[in-house]
PDB file of N, CA and C in Angstrom:
ATOM      1  N   MET A   1      49.495 -85.634-137.477  1.00  0.00           N
ATOM      2  CA  MET A   1      50.005 -87.268-138.000  1.00  0.00           C
ATOM      3  C   MET A   1      50.494 -87.784-139.133  1.00  0.00           C
ATOM      4  N   SER A   2      51.561 -88.531-138.942  1.00  0.00           N
ATOM      5  CA  SER A   2      51.728 -89.561-140.060  1.00  0.00           C
ATOM      6  C   SER A   2      50.616 -89.984-140.700  1.00  0.00           C
ATOM      7  N   PRO A   3      50.946 -90.660-141.838  1.00  0.00           N
ATOM      8  CA  PRO A   3      50.013 -91.252-142.596  1.00  0.00           C
ATOM      9  C   PRO A   3      49.773 -92.402-142.143  1.00  0.00           C
ATOM     10  N   ASN A   4      50.797 -93.001-141.810  1.00  0.00           N
ATOM     11  CA  ASN A   4      50.782 -94.555-140.975  1.00  0.00           C
ATOM     12  C   ASN A   4      50.857 -94.046-139.573  1.00  0.00           C
ATOM     13  N   SER A   5      50.032 -94.075-138.797  1.00  0.00           N
ATOM     14  CA  SER A   5      50.067 -93.967-137.661  1.00  0.00           C
ATOM     15  C   SER A   5      49.616 -94.858-136.840  1.00  0.00           C
ATOM     16  N   VAL A   6      50.072 -94.954-135.571  1.00  0.00           N
ATOM     17  CA  VAL A   6      49.690 -96.460-134.616  1.00  0.00           C
ATOM     18  C   VAL A   6      49.491 -95.536-133.186  1.00  0.00           C
ATOM     19  N   ALA A   7      47.914 -95.186-133.024  1.00  0.00           N
ATOM     20  CA  ALA A   7      47.686 -94.820-131.390  1.00  0.00           C
ATOM     21  C   ALA A   7      47.649 -95.858-130.721  1.00  0.00           C
ATOM     22  N   VAL A   8      48.379 -95.508-129.450  1.00  0.00           N
ATOM     23  CA  VAL A   8      48.098 -96.575-128.384  1.00  0.00           C
ATOM     24  C   VAL A   8      47.193 -95.825-127.456  1.00  0.00           C
ATOM     25  N   VAL A   9      46.407 -95.949-127.113  1.00  0.00           N
ATOM     26  CA  VAL A   9      45.350 -95.617-126.036  1.00  0.00           C
ATOM     27  C   VAL A   9      45.652 -95.079-124.611  1.00  0.00           C
ATOM     28  N   ASP A  10      46.232 -94.046-123.883  1.00  0.00           N
ATOM     29  CA  ASP A  10      46.277 -94.087-123.063  1.00  0.00           C
ATOM     30  C   ASP A  10      45.164 -93.319-122.227  1.00  0.00           C
ATOM     31  N   TYR A  11      44.528 -94.195-121.698  1.00  0.00           N
ATOM     32  CA  TYR A  11      43.037 -93.975-120.610  1.00  0.00           C
ATOM     33  C   TYR A  11      43.129 -94.285-119.188  1.00  0.00           C
ATOM     34  N   GLY A  12      44.329 -94.102-118.846  1.00  0.00           N
ATOM     35  CA  GLY A  12      44.830 -94.271-117.632  1.00  0.00           C
ATOM     36  C   GLY A  12      45.105 -95.708-116.547  1.00  0.00           C
ATOM     37  N   MET A  13      44.837 -96.755-117.433  1.00  0.00           N
ATOM     38  CA  MET A  13      45.007 -98.322-117.423  1.00  0.00           C
ATOM     39  C   MET A  13      45.518 -98.707-118.709  1.00  0.00           C
ATOM     40  N   GLY A  14      46.030-100.448-118.740  1.00  0.00           N
ATOM     41  CA  GLY A  14      46.547-100.779-119.234  1.00  0.00           C
ATOM     42  C   GLY A  14      47.999-101.087-119.548  1.00  0.00           C
ATOM     43  N   ASN A  15      48.459-101.945-120.091  1.00  0.00           N
ATOM     44  CA  ASN A  15      50.084-101.899-120.206  1.00  0.00           C
ATOM     45  C   ASN A  15      50.992-101.157-121.530  1.00  0.00           C
ATOM     46  N   LEU A  16      50.320-100.088-120.915  1.00  0.00           N
ATOM     47  CA  LEU A  16      51.280 -99.034-122.068  1.00  0.00           C
ATOM     48  C   LEU A  16      52.572 -99.278-122.149  1.00  0.00           C
ATOM     49  N   ARG A  17      53.584 -99.475-121.504  1.00  0.00           N
ATOM     50  CA  ARG A  17      54.956 -99.442-121.787  1.00  0.00           C
ATOM     51  C   ARG A  17      55.139-100.642-122.665  1.00  0.00           C
ATOM     52  N   SER A  18      54.634-101.840-122.222  1.00  0.00           N
ATOM     53  CA  SER A  18      55.002-103.160-123.240  1.00  0.00           C
ATOM     54  C   SER A  18      54.296-102.961-124.341  1.00  0.00           C
ATOM     55  N   VAL A  19      52.893-102.591-124.531  1.00  0.00           N
ATOM     56  CA  VAL A  19      52.722-102.655-125.716  1.00  0.00           C
ATOM     57  C   VAL A  19      53.073-101.566-126.322  1.00  0.00           C
ATOM     58  N   SER A  20      53.489-100.156-126.488  1.00  0.00           N
ATOM     59  CA  SER A  20      54.083 -99.350-126.854  1.00  0.00           C
ATOM     60  C   SER A  20      55.297 -99.616-127.413  1.00  0.00           C
ATOM     61  N   GLN A  21      56.094-100.447-126.812  1.00  0.00           N
ATOM     62  CA  GLN A  21      57.710-100.849-126.635  1.00  0.00           C
ATOM     63  C   GLN A  21      57.459-101.984-127.987  1.00  0.00           C
ATOM     64  N   ALA A  22      56.426-103.163-127.441  1.00  0.00           N
ATOM     65  CA  ALA A  22      56.359-103.973-128.674  1.00  0.00           C
ATOM     66  C   ALA A  22      56.127-103.261-130.375  1.00  0.00           C
ATOM     67  N   LEU A  23      55.204-102.542-130.277  1.00  0.00           N
ATOM     68  CA  LEU A  23      55.278-101.900-131.104  1.00  0.00           C
ATOM     69  C   LEU A  23      56.073-100.999-132.010  1.00  0.00           C
ATOM     70  N   THR A  24      56.303-100.428-131.313  1.00  0.00           N
ATOM     71  CA  THR A  24      57.899 -99.418-131.611  1.00  0.00           C
ATOM     72  C   THR A  24      59.068-100.625-132.099  1.00  0.00           C
ATOM     73  N   HIS A  25      59.247-101.668-131.974  1.00  0.00           N
ATOM     74  CA  HIS A  25      60.060-102.587-132.196  1.00  0.00           C
ATOM     75  C   HIS A  25      59.601-103.189-133.440  1.00  0.00           C
ATOM     76  N   VAL A  26      58.606-103.377-133.330  1.00  0.00           N
ATOM     77  CA  VAL A  26      57.955-104.147-135.222  1.00  0.00           C
ATOM     78  C   VAL A  26      58.279-103.173-135.885  1.00  0.00           C
ATOM     79  N   ALA A  27      57.911-101.308-135.884  1.00  0.00           N
ATOM     80  CA  ALA A  27      57.934-100.511-136.816  1.00  0.00           C
ATOM     81  C   ALA A  27      59.026-100.206-137.365  1.00  0.00           C
ATOM     82  N   GLN A  28      59.722-100.486-136.697  1.00  0.00           N
ATOM     83  CA  GLN A  28      61.551-100.107-136.815  1.00  0.00           C
ATOM     84  C   GLN A  28      61.863-100.628-137.909  1.00  0.00           C
ATOM     85  N   GLY A  29      62.219 -99.705-139.228  1.00  0.00           N
ATOM     86  CA  GLY A  29      62.531 -99.362-140.217  1.00  0.00           C
ATOM     87  C   GLY A  29      61.637 -99.575-141.430  1.00  0.00           C
ATOM     88  N   THR A  30      60.169 -98.760-140.710  1.00  0.00           N
ATOM     89  CA  THR A  30      59.407 -98.508-141.958  1.00  0.00           C
ATOM     90  C   THR A  30      58.817 -97.243-141.633  1.00  0.00           C
ATOM     91  N   ASP A  31      58.120 -96.830-142.076  1.00  0.00           N
ATOM     92  CA  ASP A  31      57.190 -95.293-141.814  1.00  0.00           C
ATOM     93  C   ASP A  31      56.069 -95.017-140.996  1.00  0.00           C
ATOM     94  N   PHE A  32      56.119 -96.414-140.057  1.00  0.00           N
ATOM     95  CA  PHE A  32      55.110 -96.405-139.399  1.00  0.00           C
ATOM     96  C   PHE A  32      55.683 -95.294-137.748  1.00  0.00           C
ATOM     97  N   GLN A  33      54.512 -94.541-137.462  1.00  0.00           N
ATOM     98  CA  GLN A  33      54.725 -93.511-136.226  1.00  0.00           C
ATOM     99  C   GLN A  33      54.013 -94.177-135.164  1.00  0.00           C
ATOM    100  N   VAL A  34      54.473 -94.756-133.677  1.00  0.00           N
ATOM    101  CA  VAL A  34      53.838 -95.162-132.379  1.00  0.00           C
ATOM    102  C   VAL A  34      53.759 -93.955-131.656  1.00  0.00           C
ATOM    103  N   ILE A  35      52.386 -93.712-131.322  1.00  0.00           N
ATOM    104  CA  ILE A  35      52.097 -92.745-130.414  1.00  0.00           C
ATOM    105  C   ILE A  35      51.670 -93.242-129.181  1.00  0.00           C
ATOM    106  N   VAL A  36      51.734 -92.898-127.903  1.00  0.00           N
ATOM    107  CA  VAL A  36      50.557 -93.297-126.779  1.00  0.00           C
ATOM    108  C   VAL A  36      50.025 -92.080-126.532  1.00  0.00           C
ATOM    109  N   THR A  37      48.778 -92.066-126.375  1.00  0.00           N
ATOM    110  CA  THR A  37      48.240 -90.726-126.076  1.00  0.00           C
ATOM    111  C   THR A  37      46.886 -90.783-125.750  1.00  0.00           C
ATOM    112  N   ALA A  38      46.388 -89.706-124.863  1.00  0.00           N
ATOM    113  CA  ALA A  38      45.454 -89.627-124.512  1.00  0.00           C
ATOM    114  C   ALA A  38      44.781 -88.963-124.708  1.00  0.00           C
ATOM    115  N   LYS A  39      44.532 -88.050-126.075  1.00  0.00           N
ATOM    116  CA  LYS A  39      43.892 -87.078-126.751  1.00  0.00           C
ATOM    117  C   LYS A  39      43.381 -87.681-127.918  1.00  0.00           C
ATOM    118  N   VAL A  40      41.793 -87.274-127.530  1.00  0.00           N
ATOM    119  CA  VAL A  40      40.856 -87.646-128.630  1.00  0.00           C
ATOM    120  C   VAL A  40      40.672 -87.466-130.026  1.00  0.00           C
ATOM    121  N   GLN A  41      41.406 -86.491-130.194  1.00  0.00           N
ATOM    122  CA  GLN A  41      41.865 -86.147-131.904  1.00  0.00           C
ATOM    123  C   GLN A  41      42.758 -86.957-132.175  1.00  0.00           C
ATOM    124  N   ASP A  42      44.069 -87.395-131.354  1.00  0.00           N
ATOM    125  CA  ASP A  42      45.157 -88.267-131.747  1.00  0.00           C
ATOM    126  C   ASP A  42      43.756 -89.486-132.223  1.00  0.00           C
ATOM    127  N   VAL A  43      43.438 -90.211-131.174  1.00  0.00           N
ATOM    128  CA  VAL A  43      43.017 -91.259-131.514  1.00  0.00           C
ATOM    129  C   VAL A  43      41.894 -91.201-133.197  1.00  0.00           C
ATOM    130  N   LEU A  44      41.231 -90.340-133.368  1.00  0.00           N
ATOM    131  CA  LEU A  44      40.607 -89.832-134.279  1.00  0.00           C
ATOM    132  C   LEU A  44      41.150 -89.862-135.880  1.00  0.00           C
ATOM    133  N   ASP A  45      42.587 -89.442-135.946  1.00  0.00           N
ATOM    134  CA  ASP A  45      43.319 -89.086-136.746  1.00  0.00           C
ATOM    135  C   ASP A  45      44.236 -90.139-136.985  1.00  0.00           C
ATOM    136  N   ALA A  46      44.560 -91.210-136.300  1.00  0.00           N
ATOM    137  CA  ALA A  46      45.307 -92.457-136.433  1.00  0.00           C
ATOM    138  C   ALA A  46      44.842 -93.374-137.126  1.00  0.00           C
ATOM    139  N   ASP A  47      45.899 -93.898-138.244  1.00  0.00           N
ATOM    140  CA  ASP A  47      44.913 -95.135-139.132  1.00  0.00           C
ATOM    141  C   ASP A  47      44.916 -96.084-138.747  1.00  0.00           C
ATOM    142  N   ARG A  48      45.648 -96.709-137.127  1.00  0.00           N
ATOM    143  CA  ARG A  48      45.666 -97.713-136.669  1.00  0.00           C
ATOM    144  C   ARG A  48      45.418 -97.571-135.134  1.00  0.00           C
ATOM    145  N   VAL A  49      45.059 -98.212-134.603  1.00  0.00           N
ATOM    146  CA  VAL A  49      44.370 -97.719-132.912  1.00  0.00           C
ATOM    147  C   VAL A  49      44.701 -99.118-132.092  1.00  0.00           C
ATOM    148  N   VAL A  50      45.422 -98.886-130.805  1.00  0.00           N
ATOM    149  CA  VAL A  50      45.537-100.274-130.174  1.00  0.00           C
ATOM    150  C   VAL A  50      44.803 -99.598-128.718  1.00  0.00           C
ATOM    151  N   LEU A  51      44.054-100.773-128.057  1.00  0.00           N
ATOM    152  CA  LEU A  51      43.504-100.240-126.938  1.00  0.00           C
ATOM    153  C   LEU A  51      44.169-101.465-126.230  1.00  0.00           C
ATOM    154  N   PRO A  52      45.068-100.934-125.397  1.00  0.00           N
ATOM    155  CA  PRO A  52      45.836-102.351-124.101  1.00  0.00           C
ATOM    156  C   PRO A  52      44.584-102.383-123.049  1.00  0.00           C
ATOM    157  N   GLY A  53      44.677-103.143-122.452  1.00  0.00           N
ATOM    158  CA  GLY A  53      44.163-103.541-121.181  1.00  0.00           C
ATOM    159  C   GLY A  53      44.838-104.364-120.176  1.00  0.00           C
ATOM    160  N   GLN A  54      44.572-103.900-118.986  1.00  0.00           N
ATOM    161  CA  GLN A  54      44.923-105.111-118.074  1.00  0.00           C
ATOM    162  C   GLN A  54      44.106-104.436-116.426  1.00  0.00           C
ATOM    163  N   GLY A  55      43.819-105.586-116.081  1.00  0.00           N
ATOM    164  CA  GLY A  55      42.948-105.279-114.596  1.00  0.00           C
ATOM    165  C   GLY A  55      41.482-106.037-114.739  1.00  0.00           C
ATOM    166  N   HIS A  56      40.798-104.903-113.856  1.00  0.00           N
ATOM    167  CA  HIS A  56      39.683-105.605-113.749  1.00  0.00           C
ATOM    168  C   HIS A  56      38.696-105.027-115.199  1.00  0.00           C
ATOM    169  N   MET A  57      37.945-105.560-115.894  1.00  0.00           N
ATOM    170  CA  MET A  57      37.138-105.028-116.779  1.00  0.00           C
ATOM    171  C   MET A  57      36.326-103.821-116.212  1.00  0.00           C
ATOM    172  N   GLY A  58      35.470-104.162-115.449  1.00  0.00           N
ATOM    173  CA  GLY A  58      34.758-102.657-114.930  1.00  0.00           C
ATOM    174  C   GLY A  58      35.386-101.054-114.350  1.00  0.00           C
ATOM    175  N   ASP A  59      36.922-101.849-113.940  1.00  0.00           N
ATOM    176  CA  ASP A  59      37.641-100.410-113.963  1.00  0.00           C
ATOM    177  C   ASP A  59      37.870 -99.924-115.090  1.00  0.00           C
ATOM    178  N   CYS A  60      38.486-100.845-116.375  1.00  0.00           N
ATOM    179  CA  CYS A  60      39.132-100.171-117.249  1.00  0.00           C
ATOM    180  C   CYS A  60      37.985 -99.689-117.828  1.00  0.00           C
ATOM    181  N   MET A  61      36.478 -99.869-117.979  1.00  0.00           N
ATOM    182  CA  MET A  61      35.823 -99.279-119.040  1.00  0.00           C
ATOM    183  C   MET A  61      35.285 -98.099-117.998  1.00  0.00           C
ATOM    184  N   ARG A  62      35.060 -97.709-116.727  1.00  0.00           N
ATOM    185  CA  ARG A  62      34.953 -96.700-116.048  1.00  0.00           C
ATOM    186  C   ARG A  62      36.243 -95.713-116.426  1.00  0.00           C
ATOM    187  N   GLU A  63      37.251 -95.891-116.653  1.00  0.00           N
ATOM    188  CA  GLU A  63      38.162 -95.098-116.935  1.00  0.00           C
ATOM    189  C   GLU A  63      38.514 -94.516-118.496  1.00  0.00           C
ATOM    190  N   LEU A  64      38.078 -95.656-118.982  1.00  0.00           N
ATOM    191  CA  LEU A  64      37.916 -95.461-120.615  1.00  0.00           C
ATOM    192  C   LEU A  64      36.983 -94.156-120.569  1.00  0.00           C
ATOM    193  N   ALA A  65      35.394 -94.228-119.984  1.00  0.00           N
ATOM    194  CA  ALA A  65      34.502 -93.427-120.347  1.00  0.00           C
ATOM    195  C   ALA A  65      35.370 -92.143-119.854  1.00  0.00           C
ATOM    196  N   ALA A  66      35.775 -92.199-118.348  1.00  0.00           N
ATOM    197  CA  ALA A  66      36.176 -90.845-117.967  1.00  0.00           C
ATOM    198  C   ALA A  66      37.353 -90.231-118.186  1.00  0.00           C
ATOM    199  N   SER A  67      38.142 -91.095-119.068  1.00  0.00           N
ATOM    200  CA  SER A  67      38.573 -90.445-119.857  1.00  0.00           C
ATOM    201  C   SER A  67      38.256 -89.656-121.237  1.00  0.00           C
ATOM    202  N   GLY A  68      37.413 -89.637-121.486  1.00  0.00           N
ATOM    203  CA  GLY A  68      36.563 -88.823-122.783  1.00  0.00           C
ATOM    204  C   GLY A  68      36.878 -89.904-123.768  1.00  0.00           C
ATOM    205  N   LEU A  69      37.607 -90.537-123.771  1.00  0.00           N
ATOM    206  CA  LEU A  69      38.296 -91.101-125.060  1.00  0.00           C
ATOM    207  C   LEU A  69      37.301 -92.744-125.444  1.00  0.00           C
ATOM    208  N   LEU A  70      36.078 -93.091-124.866  1.00  0.00           N
ATOM    209  CA  LEU A  70      35.402 -94.139-124.977  1.00  0.00           C
ATOM    210  C   LEU A  70      35.014 -93.761-126.843  1.00  0.00           C
ATOM    211  N   ASP A  71      34.577 -92.770-127.072  1.00  0.00           N
ATOM    212  CA  ASP A  71      33.437 -92.277-128.422  1.00  0.00           C
ATOM    213  C   ASP A  71      34.470 -92.628-129.724  1.00  0.00           C
ATOM    214  N   ALA A  72      35.723 -92.018-129.253  1.00  0.00           N
ATOM    215  CA  ALA A  72      36.844 -92.023-130.342  1.00  0.00           C
ATOM    216  C   ALA A  72      37.401 -93.656-130.474  1.00  0.00           C
ATOM    217  N   VAL A  73      37.462 -94.428-129.326  1.00  0.00           N
ATOM    218  CA  VAL A  73      37.671 -95.730-129.746  1.00  0.00           C
ATOM    219  C   VAL A  73      36.364 -96.592-129.866  1.00  0.00           C
ATOM    220  N   LEU A  74      35.205 -96.367-129.849  1.00  0.00           N
ATOM    221  CA  LEU A  74      34.210 -96.582-130.406  1.00  0.00           C
ATOM    222  C   LEU A  74      34.491 -96.254-132.361  1.00  0.00           C
ATOM    223  N   HIS A  75      34.712 -94.840-132.408  1.00  0.00           N
ATOM    224  CA  HIS A  75      34.840 -94.447-133.414  1.00  0.00           C
ATOM    225  C   HIS A  75      35.747 -95.592-134.610  1.00  0.00           C
ATOM    226  N   ALA A  76      36.760 -95.260-133.933  1.00  0.00           N
ATOM    227  CA  ALA A  76      38.218 -96.500-134.550  1.00  0.00           C
ATOM    228  C   ALA A  76      38.087 -97.711-134.912  1.00  0.00           C
ATOM    229  N   ALA A  77      36.794 -98.042-133.839  1.00  0.00           N
ATOM    230  CA  ALA A  77      36.905 -99.814-134.047  1.00  0.00           C
ATOM    231  C   ALA A  77      35.715 -99.974-135.009  1.00  0.00           C
ATOM    232  N   ALA A  78      35.330 -98.787-135.603  1.00  0.00           N
ATOM    233  CA  ALA A  78      34.083 -99.153-136.402  1.00  0.00           C
ATOM    234  C   ALA A  78      34.771 -98.535-137.628  1.00  0.00           C
ATOM    235  N   ASN A  79      35.783 -97.870-137.694  1.00  0.00           N
ATOM    236  CA  ASN A  79      36.259 -97.568-139.031  1.00  0.00           C
ATOM    237  C   ASN A  79      37.452 -98.019-139.514  1.00  0.00           C
ATOM    238  N   ASN A  80      38.503 -98.154-138.720  1.00  0.00           N
ATOM    239  CA  ASN A  80      39.703 -98.637-138.964  1.00  0.00           C
ATOM    240  C   ASN A  80      40.369 -99.364-138.126  1.00  0.00           C
ATOM    241  N   PRO A  81      41.763-100.249-138.718  1.00  0.00           N
ATOM    242  CA  PRO A  81      41.984-101.499-137.755  1.00  0.00           C
ATOM    243  C   PRO A  81      42.076-101.147-136.310  1.00  0.00           C
ATOM    244  N   LEU A  82      41.586-101.742-135.111  1.00  0.00           N
ATOM    245  CA  LEU A  82      41.779-101.414-134.238  1.00  0.00           C
ATOM    246  C   LEU A  82      42.556-102.767-133.537  1.00  0.00           C
ATOM    247  N   PHE A  83      43.332-102.812-132.708  1.00  0.00           N
ATOM    248  CA  PHE A  83      43.525-104.202-131.861  1.00  0.00           C
ATOM    249  C   PHE A  83      43.585-104.162-130.615  1.00  0.00           C
ATOM    250  N   GLY A  84      42.814-104.806-129.906  1.00  0.00           N
ATOM    251  CA  GLY A  84      42.968-105.002-128.263  1.00  0.00           C
ATOM    252  C   GLY A  84      43.495-105.724-127.909  1.00  0.00           C
ATOM    253  N   VAL A  85      44.560-105.423-126.840  1.00  0.00           N
ATOM    254  CA  VAL A  85      45.061-106.117-126.026  1.00  0.00           C
ATOM    255  C   VAL A  85      44.464-106.904-124.600  1.00  0.00           C
ATOM    256  N   CYS A  86      44.485-108.105-124.785  1.00  0.00           N
ATOM    257  CA  CYS A  86      43.715-108.133-123.626  1.00  0.00           C
ATOM    258  C   CYS A  86      42.320-108.311-122.753  1.00  0.00           C
ATOM    259  N   VAL A  87      42.462-107.267-121.924  1.00  0.00           N
ATOM    260  CA  VAL A  87      41.291-106.591-121.667  1.00  0.00           C
ATOM    261  C   VAL A  87      40.764-105.403-122.507  1.00  0.00           C
ATOM    262  N   GLY A  88      41.427-105.011-123.528  1.00  0.00           N
ATOM    263  CA  GLY A  88      41.204-104.215-124.395  1.00  0.00           C
ATOM    264  C   GLY A  88      40.385-104.545-125.458  1.00  0.00           C
ATOM    265  N   MET A  89      40.698-105.775-125.625  1.00  0.00           N
ATOM    266  CA  MET A  89      39.892-106.495-127.159  1.00  0.00           C
ATOM    267  C   MET A  89      38.096-106.657-126.152  1.00  0.00           C
ATOM    268  N   GLN A  90      38.053-106.870-124.599  1.00  0.00           N
ATOM    269  CA  GLN A  90      37.028-107.542-124.140  1.00  0.00           C
ATOM    270  C   GLN A  90      36.380-106.316-124.287  1.00  0.00           C
ATOM    271  N   MET A  91      36.633-105.407-124.034  1.00  0.00           N
ATOM    272  CA  MET A  91      36.211-103.951-123.839  1.00  0.00           C
ATOM    273  C   MET A  91      35.224-103.567-124.727  1.00  0.00           C
ATOM    274  N   LEU A  92      35.108-104.103-125.806  1.00  0.00           N
ATOM    275  CA  LEU A  92      34.763-103.822-126.894  1.00  0.00           C
ATOM    276  C   LEU A  92      33.568-104.584-127.676  1.00  0.00           C
ATOM    277  N   ILE A  93      33.022-105.267-126.265  1.00  0.00           N
ATOM    278  CA  ILE A  93      32.088-106.444-126.946  1.00  0.00           C
ATOM    279  C   ILE A  93      30.653-105.855-126.443  1.00  0.00           C
ATOM    280  N   ASP A  94      29.524-105.897-126.474  1.00  0.00           N
ATOM    281  CA  ASP A  94      28.180-105.498-125.899  1.00  0.00           C
ATOM    282  C   ASP A  94      28.077-106.175-124.927  1.00  0.00           C
ATOM    283  N   ARG A  95      28.420-107.195-124.482  1.00  0.00           N
ATOM    284  CA  ARG A  95      28.058-108.343-123.333  1.00  0.00           C
ATOM    285  C   ARG A  95      28.200-109.350-123.112  1.00  0.00           C
ATOM    286  N   SER A  96      28.537-110.163-122.214  1.00  0.00           N
ATOM    287  CA  SER A  96      29.161-111.306-121.698  1.00  0.00           C
ATOM    288  C   SER A  96      28.388-111.916-120.424  1.00  0.00           C
ATOM    289  N   GLU A  97      28.546-113.573-120.874  1.00  0.00           N
ATOM    290  CA  GLU A  97      27.956-114.298-119.605  1.00  0.00           C
ATOM    291  C   GLU A  97      28.897-114.769-119.260  1.00  0.00           C
TER     292      GLU A  97
END
């Protein structure tokens, strides 16, 4: 992966197409590489991570855990810039009322 990589996490849910198209548009003319990925290593290797979300929180969390990407996303949130879109940002909180 390039030194300026942005991984859009594909865990089976989320608005991947609109998020990746927006990032690709913004990255035009730069050396940023935007990839949509379901691979743990890609998420761990990326300089920046985007976690899209769309739908029901419980369903999104279940799919993220089932995809095997949950630990990689949490690692990215603790160590790299991470941008959660819609439910993607809410998925990173410990609890809510």
